[in-house]
Amino acid sequence: MNRPLRLAAAVELLSLLVLVINLATVHVRAVASLCGPVHGCAYLAVLILTAWSPAADRTAKLLAAIPGVGGLLATRRMNRD
């Protein structure tokens, strides 16, 4: 279950970066309309996959709730133990 979590965490971070860069530069509404729901779904996937993972302790589950980098931090925490 670690691979889907890593994928969801990467999509979450990438989509957040696209949203922030779009907001800071050209602010194209189509980009926000596309990347916003992608980011939200990836964020929810990170939360659910972390909650279901038997390797996730309480700290990993709390780290997963941090938007953007939480999934990567939770994955790192689970791989460390």
Protein backbone atom coordinates (compact mmCIF):
# COMPACT_ATOMS: atom_id res chain seq x y z
CA MET A 1 0.00 0.00 0.00
CA ASN A 2 3.03 2.26 0.16
CA ARG A 3 3.23 2.81 -3.60
CA PRO A 4 -0.29 4.29 -4.02
CA LEU A 5 0.38 6.54 -1.04
CA ARG A 6 3.60 7.82 -2.57
CA LEU A 7 1.83 8.44 -5.86
CA ALA A 8 -1.04 10.31 -4.20
CA ALA A 9 1.43 12.38 -2.15
CA ALA A 10 3.38 13.33 -5.28
CA VAL A 11 0.19 14.30 -7.14
CA GLU A 12 -0.94 16.34 -4.15
CA LEU A 13 2.32 18.28 -3.97
CA LEU A 14 2.58 18.81 -7.71
CA SER A 15 -1.01 20.02 -8.03
CA LEU A 16 -0.53 22.42 -5.12
CA LEU A 17 2.60 23.83 -6.73
CA VAL A 18 0.74 24.33 -10.01
CA LEU A 19 -2.09 26.11 -8.19
CA VAL A 20 0.24 28.43 -6.28
CA ILE A 21 2.38 29.23 -9.33
CA ASN A 22 -0.76 29.91 -11.35
CA LEU A 23 -2.10 32.19 -8.62
CA ALA A 24 1.19 34.07 -8.32
CA THR A 25 1.67 34.60 -12.06
CA VAL A 26 -1.08 34.53 -14.69
CA HIS A 27 -4.11 33.29 -12.70
CA VAL A 28 -5.78 31.31 -15.47
CA ARG A 29 -9.16 30.11 -14.24
CA ALA A 30 -9.03 26.93 -16.33
CA VAL A 31 -5.86 25.82 -14.53
CA ALA A 32 -7.49 26.41 -11.16
CA SER A 33 -10.64 24.59 -12.28
CA LEU A 34 -8.61 21.57 -13.31
CA CYS A 35 -5.95 21.43 -10.59
CA GLY A 36 -8.19 22.34 -7.65
CA PRO A 37 -10.26 19.16 -7.73
CA VAL A 38 -7.17 17.08 -8.54
CA HIS A 39 -5.44 18.47 -5.47
CA GLY A 40 -8.49 17.87 -3.30
CA CYS A 41 -8.87 14.27 -4.44
CA ALA A 42 -5.16 13.59 -3.95
CA TYR A 43 -5.31 15.12 -0.47
CA LEU A 44 -8.25 12.91 0.48
CA ALA A 45 -6.51 9.87 -1.01
CA VAL A 46 -3.43 10.58 1.13
CA LEU A 47 -5.56 10.84 4.25
CA ILE A 48 -7.49 7.63 3.53
CA LEU A 49 -4.46 5.59 2.45
CA THR A 50 -2.53 6.68 5.53
CA ALA A 51 -5.44 5.87 7.81
CA TRP A 52 -5.79 2.39 6.29
CA SER A 53 -2.08 1.61 6.36
CA PRO A 54 -1.08 -0.81 9.13
CA ALA A 55 2.39 0.77 9.19
CA ALA A 56 1.02 4.22 10.05
CA ASP A 57 1.29 5.27 13.66
CA ARG A 58 -0.51 8.27 15.14
CA THR A 59 2.28 10.65 14.14
CA ALA A 60 2.17 9.51 10.51
CA LYS A 61 -1.60 10.01 10.45
CA LEU A 62 -1.24 13.52 11.84
CA LEU A 63 1.54 14.34 9.38
CA ALA A 64 -0.67 13.23 6.50
CA ALA A 65 -3.15 15.97 7.41
CA ILE A 66 -0.66 18.71 6.47
CA PRO A 67 -1.67 19.98 3.02
CA GLY A 68 0.95 19.70 0.30
CA VAL A 69 3.82 17.91 2.00
CA GLY A 70 1.96 15.83 4.57
CA GLY A 71 1.77 12.73 2.40
CA LEU A 72 5.49 12.77 1.75
CA LEU A 73 6.23 13.27 5.44
CA ALA A 74 3.87 10.44 6.41
CA THR A 75 5.47 8.12 3.84
CA ARG A 76 8.90 8.99 5.17
CA ARG A 77 7.74 8.34 8.74
CA MET A 78 6.29 4.94 7.81
CA ASN A 79 9.44 3.90 5.95
CA ARG A 80 11.63 4.93 8.88
CA ASP A 81 10.08 2.52 11.34
